[in-house]
Amino acid sequence: MNMKKSLILTVFLLIILLLILWTILSIRSGSNSGLKMKDELSGEAFVKNQLYEKNGLIKTDLTNQSDIYLSESIGLWMEYLVEKSDQAEFDKQVKVLKKYFMNKSTLIPWLIEKNDPAPANALIDDLRIIHALQIAGENWNNKTYLNMAKKMSEELVKVNMLDGVFINHVDIKSQYKGDFLTLSYLVPDTLDYMYKENILQKDQYERNRNILLSAPLSENGFFPQNYYPNEKRYEYDKDINLIDQYYIGYHRALWGGDVSALVEFTKESLDEYDGVLYGRFSNETKQPIVQYEGASVYALAILMCLEIEEHELAKQLYESMKKHQINDESSKYYGGYIDLPSLVTHAFDNLLPLLAERKGIDEGVFE
């Protein structure tokens, strides 16, 4: 009788061990959802080796902002991990999000400096994180991710709106809010999700959508920067930041909006400046006002072009972007978008290119 009990116990323990092993392997490979984890890109190695802290936070840069951590960085990294189907690494970032960014509210402080969270959030980062959690929850059938996405969405709609329009930021403690929306901050996928889940009402959804899709172009074909809901007024910047322009273009494209003027500007600029997209242009003269490039500018332009199937233009932008990446495998900075003499880099200029490259490869546009 004792031998029989011992055999049963041994079999039971063996089954438990096999289940644990299967779970670990499933998480690592994404096989529990039918999604196989994709190969690591060189840019990912740079992020992990140079920007990643032991606690999972991502440095903003390697010099004067190395002790500053942005919600922007964690959101972009989470989006990339979803695209890569890396559930194990994604789960680590969810824990980082809960521990460092969600202490007292589901609103996310836009910055943590010396362990001190900023008093306000940044709408685009909250929306981006919600989208990553939603897709991860659906892909991996994870209710924890989905519940987080829902709670964050409900809080945003409750306190981060003015007259039915999303606002850039709100003070997390006092809930004092700003009075304008930066157009690039609207993330269509998240608003679609909120509307589908009845978190965002139809009139709220349509109003925010129309603000982005109906934005009138300036005389030289640039999008406005901000919208003031109380005045129903758009505001244009004198100096145009192409990061904002391509964010708006990408987000408009996700909703099927017209981006033809921005596409034409992109083609003209690449032709005129030998394949270079400078970071800032004058809204009055349509000429560059700086002589620097940014990997994030190329990445956002790529994302827009992929969405509207401008594949040849996307390839041209990809080639220009990759020229700024360290390709020497013997370098400790291999895979990074970084200026080696000065070590000037930014998490933004590494994470967005990662996301654009991953999407381009997955869609068969890039090799």
Protein backbone atom coordinates (compact mmCIF):
# COMPACT_ATOMS: atom_id res chain seq x y z
CA MET A 1 0.00 0.00 0.00
CA ASN A 2 2.84 2.36 0.86
CA MET A 3 4.57 1.53 -2.43
CA LYS A 4 1.37 2.35 -4.30
CA LYS A 5 1.06 5.72 -2.54
CA SER A 6 4.71 6.44 -3.26
CA LEU A 7 4.24 5.66 -6.94
CA ILE A 8 1.17 7.89 -7.16
CA LEU A 9 3.04 10.71 -5.44
CA THR A 10 6.00 10.31 -7.79
CA VAL A 11 3.73 10.42 -10.87
CA PHE A 12 1.91 13.45 -9.47
CA LEU A 13 5.15 15.34 -8.87
CA LEU A 14 6.38 14.42 -12.35
CA ILE A 15 3.19 15.82 -13.88
CA ILE A 16 3.60 19.05 -11.90
CA LEU A 17 7.19 19.42 -13.07
CA LEU A 18 6.20 18.82 -16.69
CA LEU A 19 3.43 21.42 -16.42
CA ILE A 20 5.86 23.98 -14.98
CA LEU A 21 8.37 23.27 -17.76
CA TRP A 22 5.67 23.55 -20.42
CA THR A 23 4.49 26.87 -18.99
CA ILE A 24 8.01 28.33 -18.98
CA LEU A 25 8.66 27.22 -22.55
CA SER A 26 5.27 28.52 -23.65
CA ILE A 27 5.93 31.96 -22.19
CA ARG A 28 9.38 32.16 -23.72
CA SER A 29 8.29 31.13 -27.20
CA GLY A 30 4.79 32.60 -27.21
CA SER A 31 3.50 29.13 -28.12
CA ASN A 32 0.66 29.41 -25.63
CA SER A 33 -0.97 31.82 -28.05
CA GLY A 34 0.29 30.33 -31.30
CA LEU A 35 2.73 33.25 -31.63
CA LYS A 36 6.38 32.36 -32.01
CA MET A 37 8.85 34.85 -30.59
CA LYS A 38 10.79 36.63 -33.34
CA ASP A 39 14.55 37.01 -33.62
CA GLU A 40 16.29 39.78 -31.74
CA LEU A 41 17.22 42.85 -33.79
CA SER A 42 20.57 44.56 -33.26
CA GLY A 43 18.87 47.65 -31.90
CA GLU A 44 17.27 45.55 -29.18
CA ALA A 45 20.71 44.42 -28.01
CA PHE A 46 21.79 48.05 -27.65
CA VAL A 47 18.73 48.88 -25.55
CA LYS A 48 19.32 45.89 -23.28
CA ASN A 49 23.09 46.37 -22.99
CA GLN A 50 23.29 50.16 -22.68
CA LEU A 51 19.93 51.64 -21.67
CA TYR A 52 18.49 48.91 -19.47
CA GLU A 53 18.89 49.27 -15.72
CA LYS A 54 18.98 46.20 -13.46
CA ASN A 55 15.53 47.11 -12.14
CA GLY A 56 14.09 47.16 -15.68
CA LEU A 57 13.84 50.93 -16.09
CA ILE A 58 15.13 52.40 -19.36
CA LYS A 59 17.60 55.29 -19.26
CA THR A 60 16.76 58.33 -21.35
CA ASP A 61 20.37 58.64 -22.52
CA LEU A 62 23.93 57.76 -21.50
CA THR A 63 25.05 61.19 -20.32
CA ASN A 64 23.15 63.97 -18.56
CA GLN A 65 19.77 62.17 -18.50
CA SER A 66 20.98 58.73 -17.48
CA ASP A 67 19.03 58.95 -14.20
CA ILE A 68 15.80 60.06 -15.91
CA TYR A 69 13.19 57.49 -16.95
CA LEU A 70 10.30 58.35 -19.26
CA SER A 71 6.86 56.80 -19.62
CA GLU A 72 7.47 57.32 -23.34
CA SER A 73 10.33 54.80 -23.21
CA ILE A 74 8.43 52.09 -21.36
CA GLY A 75 5.45 52.48 -23.69
CA LEU A 76 7.53 52.20 -26.88
CA TRP A 77 9.45 49.24 -25.45
CA MET A 78 6.20 47.48 -24.54
CA GLU A 79 4.85 48.05 -28.06
CA TYR A 80 8.01 46.58 -29.53
CA LEU A 81 7.86 43.52 -27.24
CA VAL A 82 4.28 42.87 -28.35
CA GLU A 83 5.38 43.08 -32.00
CA LYS A 84 8.22 40.67 -31.22
CA SER A 85 5.90 38.32 -29.29
CA ASP A 86 8.22 38.38 -26.29
CA GLN A 87 5.82 37.72 -23.43
CA ALA A 88 8.46 37.04 -20.78
CA GLU A 89 10.16 40.42 -21.32
CA PHE A 90 6.78 42.15 -21.65
CA ASP A 91 5.71 40.77 -18.28
CA LYS A 92 8.85 42.21 -16.70
CA GLN A 93 7.93 45.64 -18.04
CA VAL A 94 4.40 45.33 -16.67
CA LYS A 95 5.94 44.77 -13.25
CA VAL A 96 8.18 47.83 -13.75
CA LEU A 97 5.12 49.85 -14.76
CA LYS A 98 3.22 48.83 -11.63
CA LYS A 99 6.13 49.33 -9.25
CA TYR A 100 7.54 52.65 -10.45
CA PHE A 101 4.83 54.39 -12.49
CA MET A 102 1.50 53.36 -10.92
CA ASN A 103 1.97 53.92 -7.20
CA LYS A 104 -1.11 56.03 -6.48
CA SER A 105 -3.04 56.22 -9.75
CA THR A 106 -3.52 54.50 -13.09
CA LEU A 107 -2.45 57.81 -14.65
CA ILE A 108 1.21 57.47 -15.58
CA PRO A 109 3.72 60.20 -14.57
CA TRP A 110 5.53 61.18 -17.74
CA LEU A 111 8.93 61.19 -16.03
CA ILE A 112 10.76 59.76 -13.03
CA GLU A 113 13.90 61.59 -11.93
CA LYS A 114 15.93 60.46 -8.91
CA ASN A 115 13.01 58.27 -7.80
CA ASP A 116 10.70 61.31 -7.89
CA PRO A 117 7.70 60.93 -10.26
CA ALA A 118 6.54 63.98 -12.22
CA PRO A 119 3.23 65.46 -11.02
CA ALA A 120 1.53 65.11 -14.42
CA ASN A 121 1.04 62.52 -17.14
CA ALA A 122 1.44 62.78 -20.93
CA LEU A 123 -1.64 61.58 -22.82
CA ILE A 124 0.22 59.91 -25.69
CA ASP A 125 2.23 57.72 -23.31
CA ASP A 126 -0.84 56.54 -21.39
CA LEU A 127 -2.63 55.77 -24.65
CA ARG A 128 0.38 53.91 -26.03
CA ILE A 129 0.74 51.78 -22.89
CA ILE A 130 -2.97 50.97 -22.94
CA HIS A 131 -2.67 49.83 -26.54
CA ALA A 132 0.29 47.58 -25.73
CA LEU A 133 -1.55 46.05 -22.77
CA GLN A 134 -4.69 45.50 -24.82
CA ILE A 135 -2.93 43.74 -27.70
CA ALA A 136 -0.76 41.71 -25.31
CA GLY A 137 -3.85 40.68 -23.35
CA GLU A 138 -5.62 39.54 -26.51
CA ASN A 139 -2.57 37.81 -28.01
CA TRP A 140 -1.69 35.91 -24.85
CA ASN A 141 -5.15 35.61 -23.32
CA ASN A 142 -3.96 37.47 -20.25
CA LYS A 143 -6.75 38.99 -18.18
CA THR A 144 -4.32 40.96 -16.00
CA TYR A 145 -3.14 42.98 -19.00
CA LEU A 146 -6.71 43.51 -20.21
CA ASN A 147 -7.91 44.65 -16.78
CA MET A 148 -5.05 47.13 -16.56
CA ALA A 149 -5.87 48.51 -20.01
CA LYS A 150 -9.53 48.91 -19.03
CA LYS A 151 -8.82 50.64 -15.71
CA MET A 152 -6.31 53.02 -17.28
CA SER A 153 -8.78 53.85 -20.04
CA GLU A 154 -11.61 54.56 -17.63
CA GLU A 155 -9.41 56.90 -15.58
CA LEU A 156 -8.21 58.78 -18.68
CA VAL A 157 -11.75 59.33 -19.94
CA LYS A 158 -12.84 60.44 -16.48
CA VAL A 159 -10.16 63.05 -15.75
CA ASN A 160 -8.07 63.65 -18.90
CA MET A 161 -10.75 65.26 -21.05
CA LEU A 162 -12.14 68.75 -21.49
CA ASP A 163 -15.57 69.14 -23.07
CA GLY A 164 -15.30 65.65 -24.54
CA VAL A 165 -11.81 66.21 -25.97
CA PHE A 166 -8.65 64.57 -24.67
CA ILE A 167 -6.15 67.00 -23.16
CA ASN A 168 -2.36 66.72 -23.17
CA HIS A 169 -1.89 66.30 -19.45
CA VAL A 170 -3.51 66.38 -16.05
CA ASP A 171 -2.06 66.82 -12.57
CA ILE A 172 -2.28 63.32 -11.13
CA LYS A 173 -2.95 64.44 -7.56
CA SER A 174 -5.17 67.50 -7.99
CA GLN A 175 -6.59 66.49 -11.41
CA TYR A 176 -6.04 70.03 -12.65
CA LYS A 177 -5.90 69.79 -16.43
CA GLY A 178 -4.50 71.79 -19.31
CA ASP A 179 -6.64 73.46 -21.96
CA PHE A 180 -5.26 72.09 -25.23
CA LEU A 181 -4.58 68.90 -27.14
CA THR A 182 -1.43 68.28 -29.17
CA LEU A 183 -2.69 66.48 -32.26
CA SER A 184 0.17 63.99 -32.31
CA TYR A 185 -0.96 62.73 -28.88
CA LEU A 186 -4.08 60.99 -30.19
CA VAL A 187 -3.48 57.25 -30.66
CA PRO A 188 -6.21 55.86 -32.95
CA ASP A 189 -5.86 52.20 -31.97
CA THR A 190 -6.47 53.03 -28.32
CA LEU A 191 -9.45 55.26 -29.03
CA ASP A 192 -10.91 52.50 -31.22
CA TYR A 193 -10.50 50.07 -28.33
CA MET A 194 -12.08 52.49 -25.83
CA TYR A 195 -15.07 53.01 -28.12
CA LYS A 196 -15.47 49.28 -28.75
CA GLU A 197 -15.47 48.64 -24.97
CA ASN A 198 -18.01 51.45 -24.35
CA ILE A 199 -15.48 53.36 -22.27
CA LEU A 200 -15.53 56.21 -24.78
CA GLN A 201 -18.98 57.37 -25.86
CA LYS A 202 -19.81 57.74 -29.54
CA ASP A 203 -19.86 61.56 -29.50
CA GLN A 204 -16.54 61.67 -27.64
CA TYR A 205 -14.95 59.21 -30.04
CA GLU A 206 -16.19 61.04 -33.14
CA ARG A 207 -15.19 64.45 -31.84
CA ASN A 208 -11.60 63.43 -31.11
CA ARG A 209 -11.37 61.52 -34.38
CA ASN A 210 -12.66 64.48 -36.37
CA ILE A 211 -10.23 66.89 -34.69
CA LEU A 212 -7.36 64.83 -36.10
CA LEU A 213 -8.85 63.97 -39.49
CA SER A 214 -10.30 67.44 -40.18
CA ALA A 215 -7.20 69.40 -39.19
CA PRO A 216 -6.58 72.02 -41.94
CA LEU A 217 -3.12 72.28 -43.47
CA SER A 218 -1.02 75.42 -43.33
CA GLU A 219 -0.21 77.26 -46.55
CA ASN A 220 2.90 75.13 -47.00
CA GLY A 221 1.12 71.87 -46.25
CA PHE A 222 1.97 71.26 -42.59
CA PHE A 223 -0.42 70.02 -39.92
CA PRO A 224 -1.37 72.21 -36.95
CA GLN A 225 0.32 71.42 -33.66
CA ASN A 226 -2.43 72.00 -31.08
CA TYR A 227 -6.20 72.22 -30.73
CA TYR A 228 -8.06 74.29 -28.09
CA PRO A 229 -11.51 72.70 -27.49
CA ASN A 230 -13.01 75.68 -25.63
CA GLU A 231 -12.19 77.94 -28.58
CA LYS A 232 -12.54 75.27 -31.28
CA ARG A 233 -9.25 76.57 -32.60
CA TYR A 234 -6.19 74.97 -34.19
CA GLU A 235 -2.72 76.40 -33.57
CA TYR A 236 0.28 76.18 -35.90
CA ASP A 237 3.92 76.30 -34.91
CA LYS A 238 6.25 78.73 -36.63
CA ASP A 239 9.02 76.14 -36.53
CA ILE A 240 7.89 72.68 -37.58
CA ASN A 241 9.15 69.64 -35.70
CA LEU A 242 8.99 66.68 -38.07
CA ILE A 243 8.53 64.24 -35.19
CA ASP A 244 5.14 65.80 -34.50
CA GLN A 245 4.29 65.99 -38.22
CA TYR A 246 5.01 62.31 -38.83
CA TYR A 247 3.24 61.25 -35.65
CA ILE A 248 0.17 63.11 -36.90
CA GLY A 249 0.63 61.63 -40.36
CA TYR A 250 1.00 58.09 -39.01
CA HIS A 251 -2.02 58.44 -36.74
CA ARG A 252 -4.15 59.98 -39.50
CA ALA A 253 -3.15 57.10 -41.77
CA LEU A 254 -4.29 54.59 -39.13
CA TRP A 255 -7.76 56.15 -39.41
CA GLY A 256 -7.63 56.30 -43.21
CA GLY A 257 -6.99 60.05 -43.30
CA ASP A 258 -5.29 62.00 -46.07
CA VAL A 259 -1.51 62.32 -45.71
CA SER A 260 -0.69 63.04 -49.35
CA ALA A 261 0.80 66.49 -48.63
CA LEU A 262 3.21 65.04 -46.05
CA VAL A 263 4.17 62.21 -48.39
CA GLU A 264 4.91 64.69 -51.16
CA PHE A 265 6.96 66.85 -48.78
CA THR A 266 8.93 63.76 -47.76
CA LYS A 267 9.75 62.83 -51.34
CA GLU A 268 10.73 66.40 -52.20
CA SER A 269 12.97 66.72 -49.15
CA LEU A 270 14.76 63.43 -49.77
CA ASP A 271 15.37 64.44 -53.38
CA GLU A 272 16.54 67.96 -52.57
CA TYR A 273 18.80 67.08 -49.64
CA ASP A 274 20.41 63.86 -50.92
CA GLY A 275 18.31 61.42 -48.93
CA VAL A 276 18.33 63.47 -45.74
CA LEU A 277 15.34 64.50 -43.63
CA TYR A 278 16.36 67.36 -41.37
CA GLY A 279 14.64 67.57 -38.00
CA ARG A 280 12.97 70.99 -38.21
CA PHE A 281 11.58 73.15 -41.01
CA SER A 282 10.18 76.65 -41.25
CA ASN A 283 6.42 76.75 -41.67
CA GLU A 284 6.84 79.98 -43.66
CA THR A 285 9.66 79.08 -46.07
CA LYS A 286 9.41 75.26 -46.06
CA GLN A 287 13.21 75.18 -45.66
CA PRO A 288 15.20 73.32 -42.97
CA ILE A 289 16.19 75.45 -40.00
CA VAL A 290 18.56 72.87 -38.45
CA GLN A 291 21.31 70.69 -39.87
CA TYR A 292 20.71 67.58 -37.78
CA GLU A 293 18.79 64.40 -38.45
CA GLY A 294 16.96 62.16 -36.04
CA ALA A 295 16.50 58.40 -36.30
CA SER A 296 13.05 58.85 -34.76
CA VAL A 297 12.01 61.16 -37.64
CA TYR A 298 12.86 58.47 -40.18
CA ALA A 299 11.15 55.82 -38.05
CA LEU A 300 7.87 57.72 -37.80
CA ALA A 301 7.94 58.52 -41.52
CA ILE A 302 8.48 54.80 -42.16
CA LEU A 303 5.52 53.84 -39.96
CA MET A 304 3.29 56.26 -41.88
CA CYS A 305 4.49 54.91 -45.24
CA LEU A 306 3.98 51.30 -44.21
CA GLU A 307 0.42 52.09 -43.18
CA ILE A 308 -0.44 53.61 -46.59
CA GLU A 309 1.64 51.01 -48.49
CA GLU A 310 4.16 53.52 -49.83
CA HIS A 311 6.70 50.71 -49.73
CA GLU A 312 9.37 52.18 -52.01
CA LEU A 313 9.43 55.39 -50.00
CA ALA A 314 9.55 53.35 -46.79
CA LYS A 315 12.61 51.48 -48.13
CA GLN A 316 14.34 54.74 -49.02
CA LEU A 317 13.66 56.12 -45.53
CA TYR A 318 14.87 52.86 -44.00
CA GLU A 319 18.18 53.10 -45.82
CA SER A 320 18.65 56.68 -44.62
CA MET A 321 17.79 55.70 -41.05
CA LYS A 322 20.13 52.69 -40.93
CA LYS A 323 23.10 54.86 -41.91
CA HIS A 324 22.99 56.27 -38.39
CA GLN A 325 23.15 52.89 -36.65
CA ILE A 326 26.37 51.34 -35.32
CA ASN A 327 26.95 48.20 -37.39
CA ASP A 328 30.34 47.18 -35.98
CA GLU A 329 29.62 44.00 -34.04
CA SER A 330 32.82 44.42 -32.03
CA SER A 331 31.61 47.75 -30.62
CA LYS A 332 30.00 47.82 -27.17
CA TYR A 333 27.45 50.19 -28.74
CA TYR A 334 26.56 47.80 -31.56
CA GLY A 335 23.00 48.31 -32.77
CA GLY A 336 22.64 51.77 -31.29
CA TYR A 337 21.68 55.03 -32.93
CA ILE A 338 24.41 56.96 -31.17
CA ASP A 339 27.15 59.48 -31.93
CA LEU A 340 30.27 57.64 -30.77
CA PRO A 341 32.60 60.59 -30.05
CA SER A 342 30.09 62.32 -27.78
CA LEU A 343 27.91 59.29 -26.84
CA VAL A 344 24.89 61.45 -27.63
CA THR A 345 21.83 59.27 -28.04
CA HIS A 346 18.24 59.09 -26.77
CA ALA A 347 15.97 56.20 -25.89
CA PHE A 348 13.39 57.66 -28.29
CA ASP A 349 15.88 57.51 -31.18
CA ASN A 350 16.49 53.83 -30.53
CA LEU A 351 13.05 52.52 -29.61
CA LEU A 352 11.10 54.03 -32.49
CA PRO A 353 13.56 52.71 -35.11
CA LEU A 354 13.24 49.28 -33.48
CA LEU A 355 9.48 49.40 -33.83
CA ALA A 356 9.63 50.63 -37.45
CA GLU A 357 12.19 48.00 -38.43
CA ARG A 358 10.20 45.21 -36.78
CA LYS A 359 7.01 46.21 -38.57
CA GLY A 360 8.78 46.58 -41.91
CA ILE A 361 10.34 43.13 -41.62
CA ASP A 362 7.07 41.53 -40.51
CA GLU A 363 5.26 43.04 -43.48
CA GLY A 364 7.94 41.79 -45.89
CA VAL A 365 9.01 45.29 -46.92
CA PHE A 366 12.48 45.15 -45.35
CA GLU A 367 14.81 42.18 -45.57
